[in-house]
Structures are given as structure tokens and as C-alpha cells.
Amino acid sequence: MHTAEPEPRPLFPSWWRLGAFAYSAAGVVCVVASAAFPENETAMLAAIAGALPWSLVLLTLDLAPGVAQTALVVLAGGWAVNAALLWWLALRRTAPRTPSRGD
């Protein structure tokens, strides 16, 4: 019977973790910049691009009072969902392969 020792954690984070952290930080910056400077089109375009595909919901919004706040909530939600998926990919562990009984 062979018992495998668990692999030690790497000293540096994986590229997935760095990517998830960078995406999360960029999301916070874009959403906060869009909220703080609503007249800045560049911040809003960056927030829309980063929240894809969820930001496509913005096409369904009517131009009514309060649409900017609704759009900001949609964009923040899109960034949050994308960041959560990236963090899930970055932090999931693969199951160790165990030999079958016939081996």
C-alpha cells in the first residue's frame, strides 16, 4: 500500500491566482471610477468591457431616470461573477490520482 504525501504549496501564487487578483483589482477600480466620475466615458467603457458577457444586459435597459444606477449595479455584478469564476479556477485543487486496484 502506497501512501502519497500531499504536495507542498508553491511559494509563489500560480498564474491563475495572479490573474484573478489582477482582474478583481481592476474591477474594483473600474466600478468605483464609474461611480465616482459618471461623466467619464473611458471608465464606463472599461467597466462594460470587463463585465462581459453580463454587461450585455445593459442593452435591455430603458433610458429612464435611475438607469445609471441600475447600469452600475449590473456592471458591478458582472465583474463579481467573472471574478468569482476566476478565483474558483485559481483555487480549485485537482484530485490526486490514485492507482486502480488492478495496478
N, C-alpha and C. Protein backbone atom coordinates (compact mmCIF):
# COMPACT_ATOMS: atom_id res chain seq x y z
N MET A 1 0.85 -1.16 0.00
CA MET A 1 0.00 0.00 0.00
C MET A 1 0.90 1.24 0.00
N HIS A 2 0.65 2.11 -0.91
CA HIS A 2 1.46 3.31 -1.06
C HIS A 2 0.65 4.52 -0.59
N THR A 3 1.21 5.26 0.31
CA THR A 3 0.53 6.48 0.75
C THR A 3 1.30 7.67 0.19
N ALA A 4 0.60 8.49 -0.50
CA ALA A 4 1.23 9.66 -1.11
C ALA A 4 1.16 10.84 -0.15
N GLU A 5 2.27 11.53 -0.03
CA GLU A 5 2.27 12.72 0.80
C GLU A 5 1.67 13.86 -0.01
N PRO A 6 0.95 14.75 0.66
CA PRO A 6 0.39 15.87 -0.09
C PRO A 6 1.50 16.77 -0.60
N GLU A 7 1.28 17.31 -1.81
CA GLU A 7 2.28 18.19 -2.39
C GLU A 7 2.32 19.50 -1.63
N PRO A 8 3.52 20.02 -1.40
CA PRO A 8 3.60 21.30 -0.70
C PRO A 8 3.07 22.41 -1.59
N ARG A 9 2.53 23.44 -0.96
CA ARG A 9 2.01 24.58 -1.71
C ARG A 9 3.18 25.36 -2.29
N PRO A 10 3.02 25.87 -3.50
CA PRO A 10 4.11 26.63 -4.09
C PRO A 10 4.32 27.94 -3.33
N LEU A 11 5.58 28.39 -3.33
CA LEU A 11 5.92 29.62 -2.63
C LEU A 11 5.26 30.83 -3.29
N PHE A 12 5.23 30.85 -4.62
CA PHE A 12 4.61 31.94 -5.35
C PHE A 12 3.25 31.50 -5.85
N PRO A 13 2.30 32.42 -5.94
CA PRO A 13 0.97 32.02 -6.43
C PRO A 13 1.03 31.64 -7.90
N SER A 14 0.07 30.84 -8.31
CA SER A 14 0.04 30.42 -9.71
C SER A 14 -0.39 31.59 -10.58
N TRP A 15 -0.24 31.42 -11.89
CA TRP A 15 -0.65 32.47 -12.82
C TRP A 15 -2.15 32.70 -12.74
N TRP A 16 -2.91 31.68 -12.45
CA TRP A 16 -4.35 31.86 -12.31
C TRP A 16 -4.65 32.77 -11.13
N ARG A 17 -3.94 32.58 -10.05
CA ARG A 17 -4.19 33.42 -8.87
C ARG A 17 -3.79 34.87 -9.12
N LEU A 18 -2.66 35.06 -9.79
CA LEU A 18 -2.26 36.42 -10.15
C LEU A 18 -3.27 37.07 -11.08
N GLY A 19 -3.75 36.30 -12.04
CA GLY A 19 -4.76 36.81 -12.97
C GLY A 19 -6.07 37.14 -12.27
N ALA A 20 -6.49 36.27 -11.36
CA ALA A 20 -7.73 36.53 -10.63
C ALA A 20 -7.59 37.75 -9.74
N PHE A 21 -6.43 37.90 -9.11
CA PHE A 21 -6.21 39.08 -8.28
C PHE A 21 -6.20 40.35 -9.12
N ALA A 22 -5.51 40.31 -10.27
CA ALA A 22 -5.44 41.49 -11.14
C ALA A 22 -6.83 41.85 -11.68
N TYR A 23 -7.60 40.84 -12.06
CA TYR A 23 -8.95 41.10 -12.57
C TYR A 23 -9.84 41.68 -11.48
N SER A 24 -9.73 41.15 -10.27
CA SER A 24 -10.54 41.66 -9.16
C SER A 24 -10.18 43.11 -8.84
N ALA A 25 -8.88 43.40 -8.81
CA ALA A 25 -8.44 44.77 -8.52
C ALA A 25 -8.88 45.72 -9.63
N ALA A 26 -8.75 45.30 -10.89
CA ALA A 26 -9.19 46.15 -12.00
C ALA A 26 -10.69 46.38 -11.95
N GLY A 27 -11.44 45.37 -11.54
CA GLY A 27 -12.89 45.51 -11.42
C GLY A 27 -13.28 46.53 -10.38
N VAL A 28 -12.61 46.48 -9.25
CA VAL A 28 -12.90 47.46 -8.19
C VAL A 28 -12.59 48.87 -8.68
N VAL A 29 -11.44 49.03 -9.34
CA VAL A 29 -11.05 50.34 -9.85
C VAL A 29 -12.04 50.85 -10.89
N CYS A 30 -12.42 50.01 -11.84
CA CYS A 30 -13.33 50.43 -12.90
C CYS A 30 -14.72 50.78 -12.36
N VAL A 31 -15.25 49.96 -11.49
CA VAL A 31 -16.59 50.22 -10.96
C VAL A 31 -16.59 51.46 -10.06
N VAL A 32 -15.58 51.60 -9.23
CA VAL A 32 -15.50 52.79 -8.37
C VAL A 32 -15.29 54.05 -9.21
N ALA A 33 -14.45 53.96 -10.24
CA ALA A 33 -14.23 55.12 -11.11
C ALA A 33 -15.51 55.49 -11.85
N SER A 34 -16.27 54.49 -12.27
CA SER A 34 -17.53 54.78 -12.95
C SER A 34 -18.54 55.43 -12.01
N ALA A 35 -18.52 55.02 -10.76
CA ALA A 35 -19.44 55.61 -9.79
C ALA A 35 -18.99 57.01 -9.38
N ALA A 36 -17.69 57.20 -9.22
CA ALA A 36 -17.18 58.50 -8.77
C ALA A 36 -17.20 59.55 -9.88
N PHE A 37 -16.96 59.12 -11.10
CA PHE A 37 -16.89 60.05 -12.24
C PHE A 37 -17.84 59.58 -13.33
N PRO A 38 -19.15 59.76 -13.15
CA PRO A 38 -20.10 59.24 -14.14
C PRO A 38 -19.98 59.90 -15.51
N GLU A 39 -19.39 61.08 -15.59
CA GLU A 39 -19.25 61.74 -16.88
C GLU A 39 -18.05 61.22 -17.68
N ASN A 40 -17.20 60.41 -17.06
CA ASN A 40 -16.02 59.86 -17.73
C ASN A 40 -16.41 58.64 -18.54
N GLU A 41 -16.37 58.78 -19.87
CA GLU A 41 -16.79 57.68 -20.75
C GLU A 41 -15.78 56.54 -20.77
N THR A 42 -14.50 56.86 -20.59
CA THR A 42 -13.47 55.83 -20.64
C THR A 42 -13.64 54.82 -19.50
N ALA A 43 -13.91 55.31 -18.31
CA ALA A 43 -14.11 54.42 -17.16
C ALA A 43 -15.33 53.53 -17.38
N MET A 44 -16.40 54.11 -17.94
CA MET A 44 -17.60 53.31 -18.17
C MET A 44 -17.37 52.26 -19.25
N LEU A 45 -16.66 52.61 -20.31
CA LEU A 45 -16.37 51.63 -21.36
C LEU A 45 -15.47 50.50 -20.84
N ALA A 46 -14.51 50.84 -19.99
CA ALA A 46 -13.66 49.81 -19.40
C ALA A 46 -14.48 48.89 -18.49
N ALA A 47 -15.40 49.48 -17.74
CA ALA A 47 -16.25 48.66 -16.87
C ALA A 47 -17.17 47.76 -17.68
N ILE A 48 -17.70 48.28 -18.79
CA ILE A 48 -18.57 47.47 -19.64
C ILE A 48 -17.79 46.33 -20.28
N ALA A 49 -16.60 46.62 -20.79
CA ALA A 49 -15.79 45.58 -21.44
C ALA A 49 -15.36 44.50 -20.45
N GLY A 50 -15.02 44.89 -19.23
CA GLY A 50 -14.57 43.92 -18.24
C GLY A 50 -15.68 43.05 -17.69
N ALA A 51 -16.91 43.53 -17.78
CA ALA A 51 -18.04 42.78 -17.22
C ALA A 51 -18.71 41.89 -18.26
N LEU A 52 -18.15 41.83 -19.47
CA LEU A 52 -18.74 40.96 -20.49
C LEU A 52 -18.73 39.52 -20.01
N PRO A 53 -19.65 38.70 -20.33
CA PRO A 53 -20.83 38.86 -21.16
C PRO A 53 -22.03 39.42 -20.41
N TRP A 54 -21.91 39.60 -19.11
CA TRP A 54 -23.03 40.04 -18.29
C TRP A 54 -23.45 41.47 -18.62
N SER A 55 -22.53 42.29 -19.11
CA SER A 55 -22.88 43.67 -19.39
C SER A 55 -23.78 43.80 -20.62
N LEU A 56 -23.98 42.74 -21.36
CA LEU A 56 -24.92 42.79 -22.48
C LEU A 56 -26.35 43.04 -22.01
N VAL A 57 -26.61 42.84 -20.73
CA VAL A 57 -27.92 43.14 -20.16
C VAL A 57 -28.22 44.63 -20.27
N LEU A 58 -27.18 45.46 -20.37
CA LEU A 58 -27.38 46.90 -20.49
C LEU A 58 -28.19 47.25 -21.73
N LEU A 59 -28.16 46.41 -22.75
CA LEU A 59 -28.93 46.67 -23.96
C LEU A 59 -30.43 46.61 -23.72
N THR A 60 -30.85 45.97 -22.65
CA THR A 60 -32.28 45.84 -22.37
C THR A 60 -32.81 46.96 -21.50
N LEU A 61 -31.94 47.82 -20.98
CA LEU A 61 -32.40 48.89 -20.09
C LEU A 61 -33.03 50.04 -20.87
N ASP A 62 -34.11 50.57 -20.34
CA ASP A 62 -34.73 51.76 -20.92
C ASP A 62 -34.01 53.00 -20.42
N LEU A 63 -34.06 54.06 -21.21
CA LEU A 63 -33.47 55.32 -20.77
C LEU A 63 -34.47 56.06 -19.90
N ALA A 64 -34.54 55.67 -18.68
CA ALA A 64 -35.45 56.26 -17.71
C ALA A 64 -34.63 56.79 -16.54
N PRO A 65 -35.24 57.59 -15.69
CA PRO A 65 -34.49 58.06 -14.51
C PRO A 65 -34.00 56.86 -13.68
N GLY A 66 -32.77 56.94 -13.25
CA GLY A 66 -32.19 55.87 -12.44
C GLY A 66 -31.49 54.80 -13.26
N VAL A 67 -31.40 54.98 -14.59
CA VAL A 67 -30.77 53.95 -15.41
C VAL A 67 -29.27 53.86 -15.13
N ALA A 68 -28.64 54.96 -14.76
CA ALA A 68 -27.20 54.93 -14.49
C ALA A 68 -26.90 54.09 -13.25
N GLN A 69 -27.73 54.20 -12.23
CA GLN A 69 -27.52 53.40 -11.03
C GLN A 69 -27.77 51.92 -11.32
N THR A 70 -28.79 51.64 -12.12
CA THR A 70 -29.06 50.26 -12.48
C THR A 70 -27.92 49.68 -13.31
N ALA A 71 -27.40 50.49 -14.24
CA ALA A 71 -26.28 50.03 -15.06
C ALA A 71 -25.05 49.76 -14.20
N LEU A 72 -24.81 50.59 -13.22
CA LEU A 72 -23.65 50.39 -12.34
C LEU A 72 -23.80 49.11 -11.52
N VAL A 73 -25.00 48.82 -11.07
CA VAL A 73 -25.24 47.58 -10.34
C VAL A 73 -25.02 46.37 -11.25
N VAL A 74 -25.48 46.46 -12.50
CA VAL A 74 -25.29 45.37 -13.45
C VAL A 74 -23.79 45.16 -13.70
N LEU A 75 -23.06 46.26 -13.90
CA LEU A 75 -21.63 46.14 -14.15
C LEU A 75 -20.89 45.57 -12.94
N ALA A 76 -21.22 46.03 -11.75
CA ALA A 76 -20.58 45.50 -10.54
C ALA A 76 -20.90 44.02 -10.38
N GLY A 77 -22.12 43.63 -10.67
CA GLY A 77 -22.49 42.21 -10.60
C GLY A 77 -21.75 41.38 -11.63
N GLY A 78 -21.59 41.91 -12.84
CA GLY A 78 -20.85 41.19 -13.88
C GLY A 78 -19.40 40.99 -13.50
N TRP A 79 -18.76 42.04 -12.97
CA TRP A 79 -17.38 41.90 -12.51
C TRP A 79 -17.30 40.89 -11.38
N ALA A 80 -18.27 40.92 -10.46
CA ALA A 80 -18.22 39.99 -9.32
C ALA A 80 -18.36 38.54 -9.78
N VAL A 81 -19.26 38.29 -10.72
CA VAL A 81 -19.44 36.92 -11.21
C VAL A 81 -18.18 36.44 -11.93
N ASN A 82 -17.64 37.29 -12.80
CA ASN A 82 -16.42 36.92 -13.52
C ASN A 82 -15.25 36.69 -12.56
N ALA A 83 -15.11 37.56 -11.57
CA ALA A 83 -14.03 37.39 -10.59
C ALA A 83 -14.22 36.11 -9.78
N ALA A 84 -15.46 35.82 -9.41
CA ALA A 84 -15.72 34.59 -8.65
C ALA A 84 -15.35 33.36 -9.47
N LEU A 85 -15.66 33.38 -10.77
CA LEU A 85 -15.29 32.24 -11.62
C LEU A 85 -13.78 32.12 -11.75
N LEU A 86 -13.10 33.25 -11.90
CA LEU A 86 -11.64 33.20 -11.98
C LEU A 86 -11.02 32.70 -10.69
N TRP A 87 -11.52 33.17 -9.56
CA TRP A 87 -10.99 32.69 -8.27
C TRP A 87 -11.28 31.21 -8.07
N TRP A 88 -12.44 30.76 -8.54
CA TRP A 88 -12.75 29.33 -8.43
C TRP A 88 -11.74 28.51 -9.24
N LEU A 89 -11.44 28.98 -10.46
CA LEU A 89 -10.45 28.28 -11.27
C LEU A 89 -9.07 28.33 -10.63
N ALA A 90 -8.75 29.46 -10.02
CA ALA A 90 -7.42 29.64 -9.44
C ALA A 90 -7.22 28.81 -8.17
N LEU A 91 -8.27 28.62 -7.41
CA LEU A 91 -8.12 27.97 -6.11
C LEU A 91 -8.53 26.50 -6.06
N ARG A 92 -9.14 26.04 -7.12
CA ARG A 92 -9.57 24.63 -7.06
C ARG A 92 -8.35 23.73 -7.11
N ARG A 93 -8.48 22.64 -6.46
CA ARG A 93 -7.39 21.66 -6.41
C ARG A 93 -7.81 20.45 -7.21
N THR A 94 -6.88 19.93 -7.95
CA THR A 94 -7.18 18.70 -8.68
C THR A 94 -7.06 17.53 -7.73
N ALA A 95 -7.92 16.58 -7.92
CA ALA A 95 -7.90 15.40 -7.06
C ALA A 95 -6.67 14.58 -7.37
N PRO A 96 -5.99 14.08 -6.37
CA PRO A 96 -4.80 13.26 -6.62
C PRO A 96 -5.20 11.96 -7.30
N ARG A 97 -4.39 11.56 -8.24
CA ARG A 97 -4.68 10.31 -8.95
C ARG A 97 -4.25 9.13 -8.10
N THR A 98 -5.17 8.25 -7.89
CA THR A 98 -4.85 7.05 -7.12
C THR A 98 -4.85 5.87 -8.09
N PRO A 99 -3.92 4.96 -7.91
CA PRO A 99 -3.89 3.80 -8.82
C PRO A 99 -5.11 2.94 -8.62
N SER A 100 -5.54 2.33 -9.70
CA SER A 100 -6.71 1.45 -9.60
C SER A 100 -6.31 0.16 -8.89
N ARG A 101 -7.28 -0.62 -8.48
CA ARG A 101 -6.99 -1.83 -7.73
C ARG A 101 -6.29 -2.88 -8.58
N GLY A 102 -6.48 -2.82 -9.88
CA GLY A 102 -5.86 -3.80 -10.75
C GLY A 102 -4.38 -3.53 -10.99
N ASP A 103 -3.91 -2.34 -10.67
CA ASP A 103 -2.49 -1.98 -10.92
C ASP A 103 -1.58 -2.46 -9.83
